[in-house]
Amino acid sequence: MTSEVALTLTALADDTRCGAIEALGEGPLSAGELAARLDVTPAALTRHLRVLRQAGLVSVSLDDNDSRRHVYSVQPAGLLGLNDWARRVTMFWSSQLASFADEASGEGQQ
């Protein structure tokens, strides 16, 4: 497992951060909108968003109409490493289970 995947998994190990990724998957949200949706305080959300930004899972920009308003978006590229790792693990275990099934069915016929 690469350090990038480990960082992503660590960032997603928290329910609030997973909830933030799911909510942002529907579209960009301001920090206030996201805090209200997740029912967390703005201070707590700020810490969670910092972890997600450091892991490359979200980005932040200033609202064009209100420079005091921070808008967050999911960065799908941040999930690519995790997706590749999960695919490799799935292929390995699928192969292992298929071999086991072949062996088990062969033993039953003897």
N, C-alpha and C. Protein backbone atom coordinates (compact mmCIF):
# COMPACT_ATOMS: atom_id res chain seq x y z
N MET A 1 0.86 -1.17 0.00
CA MET A 1 0.00 0.00 0.00
C MET A 1 0.90 1.23 0.00
N THR A 2 0.58 2.17 -0.86
CA THR A 2 1.37 3.39 -0.93
C THR A 2 0.98 4.35 0.19
N SER A 3 1.84 5.31 0.45
CA SER A 3 1.53 6.30 1.48
C SER A 3 0.32 7.15 1.07
N GLU A 4 0.14 7.33 -0.24
CA GLU A 4 -1.02 8.09 -0.74
C GLU A 4 -2.32 7.37 -0.38
N VAL A 5 -2.35 6.06 -0.58
CA VAL A 5 -3.54 5.27 -0.26
C VAL A 5 -3.76 5.27 1.25
N ALA A 6 -2.69 5.13 2.02
CA ALA A 6 -2.81 5.15 3.48
C ALA A 6 -3.36 6.49 3.96
N LEU A 7 -2.90 7.58 3.37
CA LEU A 7 -3.39 8.91 3.74
C LEU A 7 -4.88 9.04 3.40
N THR A 8 -5.27 8.53 2.24
CA THR A 8 -6.69 8.57 1.83
C THR A 8 -7.55 7.75 2.78
N LEU A 9 -7.10 6.54 3.10
CA LEU A 9 -7.86 5.70 4.02
C LEU A 9 -7.98 6.33 5.41
N THR A 10 -6.90 6.93 5.87
CA THR A 10 -6.93 7.61 7.17
C THR A 10 -7.92 8.76 7.14
N ALA A 11 -7.90 9.53 6.06
CA ALA A 11 -8.83 10.66 5.94
C ALA A 11 -10.28 10.19 5.92
N LEU A 12 -10.54 9.05 5.28
CA LEU A 12 -11.91 8.55 5.16
C LEU A 12 -12.33 7.67 6.32
N ALA A 13 -11.45 7.49 7.30
CA ALA A 13 -11.77 6.63 8.44
C ALA A 13 -12.76 7.28 9.41
N ASP A 14 -13.05 8.53 9.20
CA ASP A 14 -13.95 9.27 10.09
C ASP A 14 -15.31 9.44 9.41
N ASP A 15 -16.39 9.18 10.15
CA ASP A 15 -17.74 9.28 9.59
C ASP A 15 -18.07 10.68 9.08
N THR A 16 -17.63 11.70 9.80
CA THR A 16 -17.92 13.07 9.36
C THR A 16 -17.22 13.37 8.04
N ARG A 17 -15.97 12.94 7.91
CA ARG A 17 -15.26 13.19 6.66
C ARG A 17 -15.86 12.40 5.50
N CYS A 18 -16.28 11.17 5.76
CA CYS A 18 -16.98 10.40 4.72
C CYS A 18 -18.28 11.11 4.33
N GLY A 19 -18.98 11.61 5.32
CA GLY A 19 -20.22 12.34 5.05
C GLY A 19 -19.97 13.58 4.23
N ALA A 20 -18.86 14.25 4.49
CA ALA A 20 -18.51 15.44 3.72
C ALA A 20 -18.25 15.07 2.27
N ILE A 21 -17.52 13.99 2.03
CA ILE A 21 -17.25 13.55 0.66
C ILE A 21 -18.56 13.20 -0.05
N GLU A 22 -19.45 12.50 0.65
CA GLU A 22 -20.73 12.13 0.04
C GLU A 22 -21.56 13.37 -0.28
N ALA A 23 -21.62 14.32 0.65
CA ALA A 23 -22.40 15.54 0.42
C ALA A 23 -21.81 16.36 -0.73
N LEU A 24 -20.49 16.46 -0.77
CA LEU A 24 -19.85 17.22 -1.83
C LEU A 24 -19.93 16.50 -3.17
N GLY A 25 -20.20 15.22 -3.15
CA GLY A 25 -20.39 14.47 -4.39
C GLY A 25 -21.61 14.94 -5.15
N GLU A 26 -22.53 15.59 -4.45
CA GLU A 26 -23.73 16.13 -5.08
C GLU A 26 -23.47 17.51 -5.69
N GLY A 27 -22.34 18.11 -5.33
CA GLY A 27 -22.00 19.42 -5.86
C GLY A 27 -21.30 20.25 -4.81
N PRO A 28 -20.65 21.33 -5.23
CA PRO A 28 -19.92 22.19 -4.30
C PRO A 28 -20.84 22.78 -3.24
N LEU A 29 -20.29 22.95 -2.04
CA LEU A 29 -21.03 23.53 -0.92
C LEU A 29 -20.11 24.47 -0.15
N SER A 30 -20.70 25.48 0.44
CA SER A 30 -19.92 26.35 1.31
C SER A 30 -19.67 25.60 2.62
N ALA A 31 -18.71 26.09 3.38
CA ALA A 31 -18.40 25.47 4.66
C ALA A 31 -19.63 25.50 5.57
N GLY A 32 -20.36 26.60 5.56
CA GLY A 32 -21.56 26.71 6.39
C GLY A 32 -22.65 25.74 5.97
N GLU A 33 -22.86 25.61 4.68
CA GLU A 33 -23.85 24.65 4.18
C GLU A 33 -23.47 23.22 4.55
N LEU A 34 -22.20 22.93 4.43
CA LEU A 34 -21.71 21.59 4.73
C LEU A 34 -21.83 21.29 6.23
N ALA A 35 -21.48 22.26 7.07
CA ALA A 35 -21.61 22.08 8.52
C ALA A 35 -23.05 21.81 8.90
N ALA A 36 -23.98 22.58 8.32
CA ALA A 36 -25.40 22.38 8.62
C ALA A 36 -25.88 21.01 8.15
N ARG A 37 -25.46 20.60 6.98
CA ARG A 37 -25.88 19.31 6.44
C ARG A 37 -25.36 18.15 7.29
N LEU A 38 -24.14 18.30 7.80
CA LEU A 38 -23.53 17.23 8.58
C LEU A 38 -23.82 17.35 10.08
N ASP A 39 -24.47 18.44 10.47
CA ASP A 39 -24.83 18.69 11.87
C ASP A 39 -23.59 18.71 12.76
N VAL A 40 -22.59 19.46 12.34
CA VAL A 40 -21.38 19.65 13.13
C VAL A 40 -21.11 21.14 13.26
N THR A 41 -20.33 21.51 14.25
CA THR A 41 -19.99 22.91 14.42
C THR A 41 -19.02 23.34 13.32
N PRO A 42 -19.04 24.62 12.97
CA PRO A 42 -18.09 25.09 11.96
C PRO A 42 -16.63 24.82 12.36
N ALA A 43 -16.32 24.95 13.65
CA ALA A 43 -14.94 24.69 14.09
C ALA A 43 -14.54 23.24 13.86
N ALA A 44 -15.44 22.31 14.18
CA ALA A 44 -15.16 20.89 13.97
C ALA A 44 -15.02 20.60 12.47
N LEU A 45 -15.90 21.19 11.69
CA LEU A 45 -15.85 20.96 10.25
C LEU A 45 -14.54 21.47 9.65
N THR A 46 -14.06 22.60 10.14
CA THR A 46 -12.80 23.15 9.65
C THR A 46 -11.67 22.15 9.81
N ARG A 47 -11.61 21.48 10.95
CA ARG A 47 -10.56 20.47 11.18
C ARG A 47 -10.71 19.30 10.21
N HIS A 48 -11.95 18.85 9.99
CA HIS A 48 -12.19 17.74 9.07
C HIS A 48 -11.83 18.12 7.63
N LEU A 49 -12.20 19.32 7.23
CA LEU A 49 -11.90 19.77 5.87
C LEU A 49 -10.39 19.91 5.66
N ARG A 50 -9.67 20.29 6.69
CA ARG A 50 -8.21 20.39 6.58
C ARG A 50 -7.61 19.01 6.28
N VAL A 51 -8.09 17.99 6.96
CA VAL A 51 -7.60 16.62 6.72
C VAL A 51 -7.93 16.19 5.29
N LEU A 52 -9.14 16.48 4.85
CA LEU A 52 -9.54 16.10 3.48
C LEU A 52 -8.73 16.85 2.43
N ARG A 53 -8.43 18.12 2.69
CA ARG A 53 -7.60 18.88 1.75
C ARG A 53 -6.18 18.32 1.70
N GLN A 54 -5.62 18.01 2.86
CA GLN A 54 -4.26 17.47 2.91
C GLN A 54 -4.16 16.13 2.19
N ALA A 55 -5.25 15.37 2.19
CA ALA A 55 -5.27 14.08 1.50
C ALA A 55 -5.58 14.24 0.01
N GLY A 56 -5.85 15.45 -0.42
CA GLY A 56 -6.13 15.71 -1.83
C GLY A 56 -7.53 15.29 -2.25
N LEU A 57 -8.44 15.19 -1.28
CA LEU A 57 -9.80 14.73 -1.58
C LEU A 57 -10.78 15.87 -1.83
N VAL A 58 -10.49 17.05 -1.32
CA VAL A 58 -11.34 18.22 -1.58
C VAL A 58 -10.47 19.42 -1.91
N SER A 59 -11.07 20.36 -2.58
CA SER A 59 -10.40 21.64 -2.84
C SER A 59 -11.32 22.75 -2.34
N VAL A 60 -10.74 23.90 -2.15
CA VAL A 60 -11.51 25.05 -1.66
C VAL A 60 -11.23 26.24 -2.56
N SER A 61 -12.27 27.03 -2.77
CA SER A 61 -12.12 28.27 -3.53
C SER A 61 -13.01 29.32 -2.88
N LEU A 62 -12.78 30.55 -3.24
CA LEU A 62 -13.62 31.63 -2.73
C LEU A 62 -14.79 31.83 -3.68
N ASP A 63 -15.94 32.07 -3.12
CA ASP A 63 -17.15 32.35 -3.90
C ASP A 63 -16.91 33.61 -4.72
N ASP A 64 -17.27 33.56 -5.99
CA ASP A 64 -17.08 34.72 -6.86
C ASP A 64 -17.89 35.93 -6.40
N ASN A 65 -19.03 35.68 -5.76
CA ASN A 65 -19.91 36.77 -5.34
C ASN A 65 -19.65 37.25 -3.92
N ASP A 66 -18.95 36.44 -3.12
CA ASP A 66 -18.70 36.79 -1.72
C ASP A 66 -17.35 36.20 -1.32
N SER A 67 -16.33 37.02 -1.32
CA SER A 67 -14.97 36.53 -1.09
C SER A 67 -14.75 36.03 0.34
N ARG A 68 -15.74 36.20 1.22
CA ARG A 68 -15.63 35.66 2.58
C ARG A 68 -16.12 34.22 2.65
N ARG A 69 -16.80 33.79 1.61
CA ARG A 69 -17.44 32.47 1.59
C ARG A 69 -16.53 31.46 0.89
N HIS A 70 -16.14 30.42 1.63
CA HIS A 70 -15.31 29.35 1.08
C HIS A 70 -16.20 28.24 0.56
N VAL A 71 -15.93 27.82 -0.66
CA VAL A 71 -16.73 26.77 -1.31
C VAL A 71 -15.82 25.56 -1.53
N TYR A 72 -16.32 24.40 -1.11
CA TYR A 72 -15.56 23.15 -1.19
C TYR A 72 -16.11 22.26 -2.29
N SER A 73 -15.20 21.54 -2.93
CA SER A 73 -15.56 20.60 -3.99
C SER A 73 -14.75 19.32 -3.81
N VAL A 74 -15.33 18.20 -4.24
CA VAL A 74 -14.62 16.93 -4.23
C VAL A 74 -13.58 16.95 -5.35
N GLN A 75 -12.44 16.35 -5.08
CA GLN A 75 -11.39 16.17 -6.09
C GLN A 75 -11.33 14.67 -6.42
N PRO A 76 -12.07 14.23 -7.45
CA PRO A 76 -12.11 12.80 -7.77
C PRO A 76 -10.73 12.19 -7.98
N ALA A 77 -9.78 12.96 -8.48
CA ALA A 77 -8.43 12.43 -8.70
C ALA A 77 -7.81 11.93 -7.40
N GLY A 78 -8.21 12.52 -6.29
CA GLY A 78 -7.69 12.10 -5.00
C GLY A 78 -8.10 10.68 -4.62
N LEU A 79 -9.16 10.19 -5.25
CA LEU A 79 -9.65 8.84 -4.97
C LEU A 79 -9.10 7.79 -5.93
N LEU A 80 -8.40 8.22 -6.97
CA LEU A 80 -7.91 7.27 -7.97
C LEU A 80 -6.93 6.26 -7.40
N GLY A 81 -6.02 6.69 -6.55
CA GLY A 81 -5.07 5.77 -5.95
C GLY A 81 -5.77 4.71 -5.12
N LEU A 82 -6.76 5.13 -4.36
CA LEU A 82 -7.54 4.19 -3.55
C LEU A 82 -8.31 3.23 -4.44
N ASN A 83 -8.87 3.74 -5.51
CA ASN A 83 -9.61 2.90 -6.46
C ASN A 83 -8.69 1.84 -7.09
N ASP A 84 -7.50 2.26 -7.50
CA ASP A 84 -6.54 1.31 -8.09
C ASP A 84 -6.14 0.25 -7.08
N TRP A 85 -5.86 0.66 -5.85
CA TRP A 85 -5.48 -0.28 -4.81
C TRP A 85 -6.61 -1.28 -4.54
N ALA A 86 -7.83 -0.79 -4.42
CA ALA A 86 -8.98 -1.67 -4.16
C ALA A 86 -9.17 -2.65 -5.31
N ARG A 87 -8.97 -2.19 -6.53
CA ARG A 87 -9.10 -3.08 -7.68
C ARG A 87 -8.04 -4.19 -7.64
N ARG A 88 -6.81 -3.84 -7.29
CA ARG A 88 -5.75 -4.86 -7.20
C ARG A 88 -6.05 -5.88 -6.10
N VAL A 89 -6.50 -5.41 -4.96
CA VAL A 89 -6.84 -6.31 -3.85
C VAL A 89 -8.00 -7.20 -4.25
N THR A 90 -9.00 -6.64 -4.89
CA THR A 90 -10.15 -7.42 -5.34
C THR A 90 -9.73 -8.49 -6.34
N MET A 91 -8.89 -8.12 -7.29
CA MET A 91 -8.44 -9.11 -8.29
C MET A 91 -7.65 -10.23 -7.62
N PHE A 92 -6.79 -9.89 -6.67
CA PHE A 92 -6.02 -10.91 -5.97
C PHE A 92 -6.94 -11.89 -5.25
N TRP A 93 -7.89 -11.34 -4.46
CA TRP A 93 -8.76 -12.23 -3.68
C TRP A 93 -9.74 -12.97 -4.56
N SER A 94 -10.18 -12.38 -5.65
CA SER A 94 -11.06 -13.10 -6.58
C SER A 94 -10.32 -14.29 -7.16
N SER A 95 -9.06 -14.09 -7.52
CA SER A 95 -8.24 -15.17 -8.05
C SER A 95 -8.02 -16.26 -6.99
N GLN A 96 -7.72 -15.83 -5.78
CA GLN A 96 -7.50 -16.80 -4.69
C GLN A 96 -8.76 -17.61 -4.41
N LEU A 97 -9.90 -16.95 -4.37
CA LEU A 97 -11.16 -17.65 -4.10
C LEU A 97 -11.54 -18.57 -5.25
N ALA A 98 -11.25 -18.16 -6.49
CA ALA A 98 -11.54 -19.02 -7.64
C ALA A 98 -10.67 -20.27 -7.58
N SER A 99 -9.39 -20.11 -7.20
CA SER A 99 -8.50 -21.27 -7.07
C SER A 99 -8.99 -22.20 -5.97
N PHE A 100 -9.43 -21.63 -4.86
CA PHE A 100 -9.96 -22.43 -3.76
C PHE A 100 -11.21 -23.20 -4.20
N ALA A 101 -12.09 -22.53 -4.94
CA ALA A 101 -13.32 -23.19 -5.42
C ALA A 101 -12.97 -24.32 -6.38
N ASP A 102 -11.97 -24.11 -7.24
CA ASP A 102 -11.54 -25.17 -8.15
C ASP A 102 -11.01 -26.37 -7.38
N GLU A 103 -10.19 -26.09 -6.39
CA GLU A 103 -9.64 -27.17 -5.56
C GLU A 103 -10.74 -27.90 -4.81
N ALA A 104 -11.66 -27.15 -4.23
CA ALA A 104 -12.74 -27.77 -3.47
C ALA A 104 -13.63 -28.63 -4.35
N SER A 105 -13.93 -28.16 -5.55
CA SER A 105 -14.79 -28.95 -6.43
C SER A 105 -14.03 -30.17 -6.97
N GLY A 106 -12.73 -30.08 -7.14
CA GLY A 106 -11.93 -31.20 -7.60
C GLY A 106 -11.83 -32.28 -6.54
N GLU A 107 -11.74 -31.89 -5.27
CA GLU A 107 -11.66 -32.86 -4.19
C GLU A 107 -12.97 -33.61 -4.02
N GLY A 108 -14.06 -32.93 -4.26
CA GLY A 108 -15.37 -33.56 -4.09
C GLY A 108 -15.66 -34.61 -5.15
N GLN A 109 -14.94 -34.58 -6.28
CA GLN A 109 -15.18 -35.52 -7.38
C GLN A 109 -14.32 -36.77 -7.27
N GLN A 110 -13.36 -36.79 -6.36
CA GLN A 110 -12.45 -37.95 -6.26
C GLN A 110 -13.05 -39.05 -5.43
